[in-house]
Amino acid sequence: MKKSLVASGVAALVIAVGSVGVVKAQKESSKEKKKVIYVAAEHATFKQSPTAGVSMAVLWGDPDKGAHGTFTKFAPGYDAGMHTHTNDVWVVVIKGAYLYKDDAGEKRVGPGDFIRVPGGHKHWSGGDKTEGALFYEEGSGKFDLIPAK
């Protein structure tokens, strides 16, 4: 009988502590309500990147500091050369073509296509010679371009 009462008491305590954690988590998440973000690519405000031939419109986050999402444009014929990024980069092309090349071969990433480039993976990228490229890009951390040696 005593074992049964002790087990019931422990179970009740676990449930109570768990409930407090859930309520606390719900209160904390309600403080950090995320807003809906909507930006039409054709109306986005693009700023010239320090790299000639590249412009970006930041949609969320900060590519200079951490995780982010941007609309990015490559000018027609833009050539980024062989390089890596410290963090993973995800790309979905909207218009034109994002050209990609690594040791496994070449890819022409066109409208509606997706490519994920893992951080540290050596590759070449550029824009279509006629249209360039307009794409949505997400990074898991700060954006950088490290020329390959």
N, C-alpha and C. Protein backbone atom coordinates (compact mmCIF):
# COMPACT_ATOMS: atom_id res chain seq x y z
N MET A 1 0.82 -1.20 0.00
CA MET A 1 0.00 0.00 0.00
C MET A 1 0.86 1.27 0.00
N LYS A 2 1.92 1.24 0.87
CA LYS A 2 2.80 2.40 0.94
C LYS A 2 3.48 2.63 -0.39
N LYS A 3 3.94 1.53 -1.05
CA LYS A 3 4.60 1.66 -2.34
C LYS A 3 3.66 2.27 -3.36
N SER A 4 2.41 1.89 -3.31
CA SER A 4 1.40 2.40 -4.24
C SER A 4 1.17 3.90 -4.01
N LEU A 5 1.12 4.32 -2.73
CA LEU A 5 0.93 5.74 -2.42
C LEU A 5 2.16 6.55 -2.84
N VAL A 6 3.36 6.02 -2.62
CA VAL A 6 4.59 6.72 -3.01
C VAL A 6 4.64 6.86 -4.53
N ALA A 7 4.31 5.77 -5.25
CA ALA A 7 4.33 5.81 -6.71
C ALA A 7 3.31 6.82 -7.22
N SER A 8 2.13 6.87 -6.60
CA SER A 8 1.10 7.83 -7.01
C SER A 8 1.56 9.26 -6.75
N GLY A 9 2.21 9.46 -5.61
CA GLY A 9 2.73 10.79 -5.27
C GLY A 9 3.80 11.23 -6.25
N VAL A 10 4.72 10.34 -6.60
CA VAL A 10 5.78 10.66 -7.57
C VAL A 10 5.16 10.97 -8.93
N ALA A 11 4.19 10.18 -9.35
CA ALA A 11 3.53 10.41 -10.65
C ALA A 11 2.85 11.78 -10.66
N ALA A 12 2.17 12.12 -9.56
CA ALA A 12 1.50 13.42 -9.49
C ALA A 12 2.51 14.56 -9.56
N LEU A 13 3.66 14.39 -8.88
CA LEU A 13 4.70 15.41 -8.90
C LEU A 13 5.27 15.58 -10.31
N VAL A 14 5.52 14.48 -11.01
CA VAL A 14 6.03 14.54 -12.37
C VAL A 14 5.05 15.27 -13.28
N ILE A 15 3.76 14.95 -13.14
CA ILE A 15 2.73 15.61 -13.96
C ILE A 15 2.68 17.10 -13.65
N ALA A 16 2.73 17.45 -12.37
CA ALA A 16 2.66 18.86 -11.98
C ALA A 16 3.86 19.64 -12.51
N VAL A 17 5.06 19.07 -12.36
CA VAL A 17 6.26 19.75 -12.84
C VAL A 17 6.21 19.88 -14.36
N GLY A 18 5.77 18.83 -15.03
CA GLY A 18 5.65 18.87 -16.49
C GLY A 18 4.67 19.93 -16.94
N SER A 19 3.56 20.05 -16.24
CA SER A 19 2.54 21.06 -16.59
C SER A 19 3.08 22.46 -16.41
N VAL A 20 3.85 22.68 -15.34
CA VAL A 20 4.45 24.00 -15.12
C VAL A 20 5.40 24.33 -16.27
N GLY A 21 6.18 23.36 -16.72
CA GLY A 21 7.11 23.58 -17.84
C GLY A 21 6.38 23.93 -19.11
N VAL A 22 5.26 23.24 -19.38
CA VAL A 22 4.47 23.51 -20.59
C VAL A 22 3.88 24.92 -20.53
N VAL A 23 3.32 25.28 -19.38
CA VAL A 23 2.72 26.62 -19.24
C VAL A 23 3.80 27.69 -19.40
N LYS A 24 4.98 27.45 -18.79
CA LYS A 24 6.07 28.42 -18.91
C LYS A 24 6.50 28.56 -20.36
N ALA A 25 6.65 27.44 -21.07
CA ALA A 25 7.05 27.47 -22.48
C ALA A 25 6.01 28.21 -23.32
N GLN A 26 4.72 27.99 -23.03
CA GLN A 26 3.66 28.68 -23.78
C GLN A 26 3.71 30.17 -23.53
N LYS A 27 3.95 30.58 -22.28
CA LYS A 27 4.04 32.00 -21.98
C LYS A 27 5.23 32.63 -22.69
N GLU A 28 6.37 31.94 -22.68
CA GLU A 28 7.57 32.48 -23.34
C GLU A 28 7.36 32.59 -24.85
N SER A 29 6.71 31.58 -25.45
CA SER A 29 6.52 31.63 -26.90
C SER A 29 5.50 32.70 -27.29
N SER A 30 4.53 32.98 -26.40
CA SER A 30 3.56 34.02 -26.74
C SER A 30 4.21 35.41 -26.69
N LYS A 31 5.28 35.56 -25.92
CA LYS A 31 6.01 36.83 -25.87
C LYS A 31 6.76 37.06 -27.17
N GLU A 32 7.18 35.98 -27.81
CA GLU A 32 7.99 36.07 -29.01
C GLU A 32 7.18 35.77 -30.26
N LYS A 33 6.01 36.36 -30.35
CA LYS A 33 5.17 36.10 -31.53
C LYS A 33 5.90 36.52 -32.79
N LYS A 34 5.94 35.61 -33.74
CA LYS A 34 6.58 35.90 -35.01
C LYS A 34 5.55 36.51 -35.93
N LYS A 35 6.01 37.43 -36.75
CA LYS A 35 5.13 38.11 -37.69
C LYS A 35 5.20 37.44 -39.05
N VAL A 36 4.12 37.52 -39.77
CA VAL A 36 4.11 37.05 -41.15
C VAL A 36 4.97 38.00 -41.97
N ILE A 37 5.79 37.45 -42.83
CA ILE A 37 6.63 38.27 -43.71
C ILE A 37 6.17 38.02 -45.14
N TYR A 38 5.86 39.07 -45.85
CA TYR A 38 5.49 38.95 -47.26
C TYR A 38 6.23 40.02 -48.03
N VAL A 39 6.96 39.60 -49.04
CA VAL A 39 7.66 40.54 -49.92
C VAL A 39 7.57 39.97 -51.33
N ALA A 40 7.06 40.76 -52.26
CA ALA A 40 7.06 40.36 -53.66
C ALA A 40 8.44 40.70 -54.23
N ALA A 41 9.04 39.74 -54.89
CA ALA A 41 10.40 39.95 -55.42
C ALA A 41 10.47 41.19 -56.31
N GLU A 42 9.42 41.41 -57.09
CA GLU A 42 9.45 42.56 -58.02
C GLU A 42 9.38 43.90 -57.31
N HIS A 43 8.97 43.91 -56.03
CA HIS A 43 8.88 45.16 -55.27
C HIS A 43 9.91 45.25 -54.15
N ALA A 44 10.81 44.26 -54.07
CA ALA A 44 11.82 44.25 -53.02
C ALA A 44 12.84 45.36 -53.25
N THR A 45 13.43 45.83 -52.18
CA THR A 45 14.47 46.86 -52.25
C THR A 45 15.83 46.17 -52.25
N PHE A 46 16.45 46.14 -53.41
CA PHE A 46 17.74 45.49 -53.57
C PHE A 46 18.85 46.50 -53.33
N LYS A 47 19.90 46.04 -52.64
CA LYS A 47 21.08 46.87 -52.42
C LYS A 47 22.28 46.17 -53.02
N GLN A 48 23.12 46.95 -53.67
CA GLN A 48 24.33 46.40 -54.27
C GLN A 48 25.20 45.79 -53.19
N SER A 49 25.64 44.59 -53.42
CA SER A 49 26.55 43.89 -52.51
C SER A 49 27.96 44.45 -52.73
N PRO A 50 28.86 44.24 -51.78
CA PRO A 50 30.25 44.66 -52.02
C PRO A 50 30.86 43.94 -53.23
N THR A 51 30.27 42.79 -53.59
CA THR A 51 30.74 42.05 -54.76
C THR A 51 30.01 42.56 -56.00
N ALA A 52 30.75 43.06 -56.98
CA ALA A 52 30.13 43.55 -58.23
C ALA A 52 29.34 42.43 -58.89
N GLY A 53 28.14 42.77 -59.39
CA GLY A 53 27.31 41.80 -60.07
C GLY A 53 26.32 41.09 -59.17
N VAL A 54 26.32 41.42 -57.88
CA VAL A 54 25.40 40.79 -56.92
C VAL A 54 24.66 41.88 -56.15
N SER A 55 23.33 41.72 -56.04
CA SER A 55 22.54 42.62 -55.19
C SER A 55 21.59 41.75 -54.36
N MET A 56 21.24 42.29 -53.19
CA MET A 56 20.42 41.52 -52.26
C MET A 56 19.34 42.39 -51.64
N ALA A 57 18.20 41.75 -51.37
CA ALA A 57 17.12 42.38 -50.59
C ALA A 57 16.91 41.48 -49.37
N VAL A 58 17.24 41.98 -48.20
CA VAL A 58 17.11 41.18 -46.97
C VAL A 58 15.63 41.09 -46.60
N LEU A 59 15.16 39.86 -46.40
CA LEU A 59 13.77 39.62 -46.03
C LEU A 59 13.63 39.37 -44.53
N TRP A 60 14.57 38.69 -43.97
CA TRP A 60 14.59 38.45 -42.52
C TRP A 60 16.03 38.15 -42.10
N GLY A 61 16.31 38.36 -40.83
CA GLY A 61 17.65 38.11 -40.31
C GLY A 61 18.65 39.14 -40.80
N ASP A 62 19.92 38.80 -40.68
CA ASP A 62 20.99 39.70 -41.09
C ASP A 62 22.14 38.87 -41.64
N PRO A 63 22.33 38.87 -42.97
CA PRO A 63 23.39 38.05 -43.56
C PRO A 63 24.80 38.42 -43.09
N ASP A 64 24.97 39.61 -42.51
CA ASP A 64 26.28 40.00 -42.00
C ASP A 64 26.54 39.45 -40.59
N LYS A 65 25.46 38.95 -39.95
CA LYS A 65 25.61 38.53 -38.55
C LYS A 65 25.16 37.10 -38.26
N GLY A 66 24.18 36.59 -39.02
CA GLY A 66 23.67 35.26 -38.68
C GLY A 66 22.68 34.74 -39.70
N ALA A 67 21.82 33.84 -39.24
CA ALA A 67 20.82 33.23 -40.13
C ALA A 67 20.01 34.32 -40.82
N HIS A 68 19.60 34.03 -42.07
CA HIS A 68 18.95 35.07 -42.87
C HIS A 68 18.21 34.46 -44.06
N GLY A 69 17.35 35.29 -44.64
CA GLY A 69 16.69 34.99 -45.91
C GLY A 69 16.76 36.23 -46.78
N THR A 70 17.13 36.06 -48.04
CA THR A 70 17.24 37.20 -48.96
C THR A 70 16.71 36.83 -50.33
N PHE A 71 16.30 37.85 -51.07
CA PHE A 71 16.20 37.71 -52.52
C PHE A 71 17.57 38.16 -53.00
N THR A 72 18.18 37.39 -53.87
CA THR A 72 19.51 37.72 -54.38
C THR A 72 19.46 37.72 -55.90
N LYS A 73 20.17 38.69 -56.50
CA LYS A 73 20.26 38.76 -57.96
C LYS A 73 21.72 38.60 -58.36
N PHE A 74 21.94 37.77 -59.38
CA PHE A 74 23.23 37.71 -60.06
C PHE A 74 23.03 38.39 -61.41
N ALA A 75 23.90 39.31 -61.76
CA ALA A 75 23.86 39.95 -63.07
C ALA A 75 24.13 38.91 -64.15
N PRO A 76 23.66 39.16 -65.37
CA PRO A 76 23.96 38.22 -66.46
C PRO A 76 25.47 37.98 -66.57
N GLY A 77 25.84 36.70 -66.61
CA GLY A 77 27.23 36.33 -66.75
C GLY A 77 28.07 36.43 -65.48
N TYR A 78 27.44 36.75 -64.35
CA TYR A 78 28.20 36.87 -63.10
C TYR A 78 28.96 35.57 -62.82
N ASP A 79 30.20 35.70 -62.37
CA ASP A 79 31.08 34.56 -62.08
C ASP A 79 31.65 34.73 -60.68
N ALA A 80 31.21 33.87 -59.74
CA ALA A 80 31.68 33.96 -58.36
C ALA A 80 33.01 33.25 -58.16
N GLY A 81 33.45 32.50 -59.16
CA GLY A 81 34.69 31.73 -59.01
C GLY A 81 34.49 30.56 -58.06
N MET A 82 35.53 29.75 -57.93
CA MET A 82 35.48 28.62 -57.00
C MET A 82 35.58 29.17 -55.58
N HIS A 83 34.71 28.68 -54.70
CA HIS A 83 34.67 29.19 -53.34
C HIS A 83 33.94 28.22 -52.42
N THR A 84 33.92 28.57 -51.14
CA THR A 84 33.12 27.87 -50.14
C THR A 84 32.38 28.93 -49.32
N HIS A 85 31.46 28.45 -48.51
CA HIS A 85 30.77 29.28 -47.51
C HIS A 85 30.96 28.59 -46.17
N THR A 86 31.04 29.34 -45.10
CA THR A 86 31.16 28.74 -43.78
C THR A 86 29.90 27.98 -43.42
N ASN A 87 28.74 28.52 -43.75
CA ASN A 87 27.46 27.94 -43.36
C ASN A 87 26.70 27.39 -44.56
N ASP A 88 25.72 26.52 -44.27
CA ASP A 88 24.86 25.98 -45.33
C ASP A 88 24.09 27.11 -46.00
N VAL A 89 23.86 26.94 -47.30
CA VAL A 89 23.09 27.91 -48.09
C VAL A 89 22.04 27.13 -48.87
N TRP A 90 20.78 27.60 -48.83
CA TRP A 90 19.68 27.00 -49.58
C TRP A 90 19.22 28.02 -50.62
N VAL A 91 19.00 27.57 -51.85
CA VAL A 91 18.63 28.46 -52.94
C VAL A 91 17.42 27.90 -53.68
N VAL A 92 16.43 28.75 -53.93
CA VAL A 92 15.30 28.43 -54.80
C VAL A 92 15.26 29.52 -55.87
N VAL A 93 15.41 29.13 -57.13
CA VAL A 93 15.46 30.10 -58.22
C VAL A 93 14.05 30.56 -58.59
N ILE A 94 13.93 31.87 -58.83
CA ILE A 94 12.66 32.48 -59.22
C ILE A 94 12.67 32.80 -60.71
N LYS A 95 13.79 33.34 -61.18
CA LYS A 95 13.88 33.78 -62.58
C LYS A 95 15.33 33.61 -63.06
N GLY A 96 15.50 33.33 -64.35
CA GLY A 96 16.84 33.14 -64.89
C GLY A 96 17.38 31.79 -64.48
N ALA A 97 18.68 31.71 -64.27
CA ALA A 97 19.29 30.45 -63.86
C ALA A 97 20.53 30.70 -63.00
N TYR A 98 20.58 29.98 -61.91
CA TYR A 98 21.73 29.95 -61.02
C TYR A 98 22.59 28.80 -61.52
N LEU A 99 23.78 29.10 -61.98
CA LEU A 99 24.66 28.08 -62.52
C LEU A 99 25.57 27.59 -61.41
N TYR A 100 25.75 26.27 -61.34
CA TYR A 100 26.48 25.64 -60.24
C TYR A 100 27.41 24.57 -60.79
N LYS A 101 28.59 24.48 -60.19
CA LYS A 101 29.55 23.47 -60.62
C LYS A 101 30.38 23.03 -59.42
N ASP A 102 30.58 21.71 -59.29
CA ASP A 102 31.51 21.18 -58.30
C ASP A 102 32.17 19.94 -58.89
N ASP A 103 32.89 19.19 -58.09
CA ASP A 103 33.60 18.01 -58.59
C ASP A 103 32.66 16.96 -59.19
N ALA A 104 31.39 16.97 -58.79
CA ALA A 104 30.42 15.99 -59.30
C ALA A 104 29.82 16.41 -60.64
N GLY A 105 30.04 17.65 -61.07
CA GLY A 105 29.51 18.10 -62.35
C GLY A 105 28.84 19.46 -62.27
N GLU A 106 28.09 19.78 -63.34
CA GLU A 106 27.44 21.08 -63.46
C GLU A 106 25.93 20.94 -63.33
N LYS A 107 25.30 22.00 -62.81
CA LYS A 107 23.84 22.04 -62.72
C LYS A 107 23.37 23.42 -63.16
N ARG A 108 22.29 23.42 -63.91
CA ARG A 108 21.61 24.66 -64.26
C ARG A 108 20.35 24.68 -63.42
N VAL A 109 20.34 25.51 -62.37
CA VAL A 109 19.24 25.56 -61.42
C VAL A 109 18.29 26.65 -61.91
N GLY A 110 17.15 26.23 -62.45
CA GLY A 110 16.21 27.16 -63.06
C GLY A 110 15.03 27.48 -62.18
N PRO A 111 14.08 28.27 -62.70
CA PRO A 111 12.90 28.67 -61.92
C PRO A 111 12.18 27.47 -61.31
N GLY A 112 11.96 27.57 -60.00
CA GLY A 112 11.28 26.51 -59.27
C GLY A 112 12.22 25.42 -58.76
N ASP A 113 13.49 25.47 -59.16
CA ASP A 113 14.46 24.47 -58.72
C ASP A 113 15.11 24.88 -57.40
N PHE A 114 15.56 23.87 -56.66
CA PHE A 114 16.17 24.06 -55.34
C PHE A 114 17.55 23.42 -55.32
N ILE A 115 18.48 24.07 -54.64
CA ILE A 115 19.79 23.48 -54.39
C ILE A 115 20.24 23.87 -52.99
N ARG A 116 20.83 22.92 -52.29
CA ARG A 116 21.41 23.17 -50.96
C ARG A 116 22.91 22.95 -51.09
N VAL A 117 23.67 23.95 -50.64
CA VAL A 117 25.13 23.86 -50.67
C VAL A 117 25.60 23.81 -49.21
N PRO A 118 26.16 22.68 -48.79
CA PRO A 118 26.61 22.59 -47.40
C PRO A 118 27.79 23.51 -47.13
N GLY A 119 27.85 24.04 -45.91
CA GLY A 119 28.99 24.85 -45.52
C GLY A 119 30.28 24.06 -45.73
N GLY A 120 31.31 24.74 -46.24
CA GLY A 120 32.59 24.11 -46.46
C GLY A 120 32.73 23.37 -47.78
N HIS A 121 31.64 23.27 -48.56
CA HIS A 121 31.67 22.53 -49.83
C HIS A 121 32.20 23.44 -50.95
N LYS A 122 33.30 23.03 -51.59
CA LYS A 122 33.91 23.84 -52.65
C LYS A 122 33.07 23.74 -53.93
N HIS A 123 32.74 24.90 -54.48
CA HIS A 123 31.91 24.95 -55.69
C HIS A 123 32.13 26.26 -56.44
N TRP A 124 31.59 26.31 -57.64
CA TRP A 124 31.56 27.53 -58.45
C TRP A 124 30.10 27.87 -58.66
N SER A 125 29.78 29.16 -58.69
CA SER A 125 28.41 29.56 -59.02
C SER A 125 28.45 30.84 -59.85
N GLY A 126 27.34 31.05 -60.58
CA GLY A 126 27.25 32.23 -61.42
C GLY A 126 25.84 32.40 -61.96
N GLY A 127 25.66 33.44 -62.75
CA GLY A 127 24.36 33.74 -63.34
C GLY A 127 24.33 33.41 -64.82
N ASP A 128 23.16 33.05 -65.30
CA ASP A 128 22.95 32.80 -66.73
C ASP A 128 23.50 33.98 -67.54
N LYS A 129 24.11 33.70 -68.67
CA LYS A 129 24.75 34.75 -69.47
C LYS A 129 23.76 35.77 -70.02
N THR A 130 22.52 35.36 -70.24
CA THR A 130 21.52 36.27 -70.81
C THR A 130 20.64 36.91 -69.74
N GLU A 131 20.10 36.09 -68.84
CA GLU A 131 19.12 36.58 -67.85
C GLU A 131 19.69 36.84 -66.47
N GLY A 132 20.86 36.32 -66.17
CA GLY A 132 21.34 36.37 -64.80
C GLY A 132 20.50 35.42 -63.97
N ALA A 133 20.32 35.73 -62.69
CA ALA A 133 19.51 34.89 -61.81
C ALA A 133 18.88 35.74 -60.72
N LEU A 134 17.65 35.41 -60.40
CA LEU A 134 16.96 35.96 -59.24
C LEU A 134 16.55 34.75 -58.42
N PHE A 135 16.97 34.73 -57.15
CA PHE A 135 16.66 33.57 -56.32
C PHE A 135 16.44 33.96 -54.86
N TYR A 136 15.68 33.10 -54.18
CA TYR A 136 15.53 33.22 -52.73
C TYR A 136 16.65 32.41 -52.11
N GLU A 137 17.35 33.02 -51.18
CA GLU A 137 18.49 32.35 -50.53
C GLU A 137 18.32 32.41 -49.02
N GLU A 138 18.55 31.28 -48.39
CA GLU A 138 18.56 31.21 -46.92
C GLU A 138 19.91 30.72 -46.49
N GLY A 139 20.40 31.27 -45.41
CA GLY A 139 21.66 30.81 -44.84
C GLY A 139 21.47 30.44 -43.39
N SER A 140 22.15 29.37 -42.96
CA SER A 140 22.03 28.92 -41.58
C SER A 140 22.83 29.78 -40.61
N GLY A 141 23.65 30.65 -41.16
CA GLY A 141 24.46 31.56 -40.36
C GLY A 141 24.92 32.71 -41.23
N LYS A 142 25.88 33.46 -40.73
CA LYS A 142 26.42 34.60 -41.47
C LYS A 142 26.83 34.19 -42.88
N PHE A 143 26.55 35.07 -43.85
CA PHE A 143 26.94 34.78 -45.24
C PHE A 143 28.37 35.22 -45.46
N ASP A 144 29.14 34.34 -46.08
CA ASP A 144 30.49 34.70 -46.50
C ASP A 144 30.80 33.96 -47.79
N LEU A 145 31.81 34.43 -48.48
CA LEU A 145 32.29 33.78 -49.69
C LEU A 145 33.80 33.70 -49.54
N ILE A 146 34.31 32.48 -49.42
CA ILE A 146 35.73 32.27 -49.19
C ILE A 146 36.33 31.70 -50.48
N PRO A 147 37.15 32.48 -51.19
CA PRO A 147 37.74 31.99 -52.43
C PRO A 147 38.53 30.70 -52.18
N ALA A 148 38.36 29.74 -53.09
CA ALA A 148 39.07 28.46 -52.97
C ALA A 148 40.53 28.65 -53.36
N LYS A 149 41.37 27.88 -52.73
CA LYS A 149 42.82 27.95 -53.02
C LYS A 149 43.21 26.90 -54.01
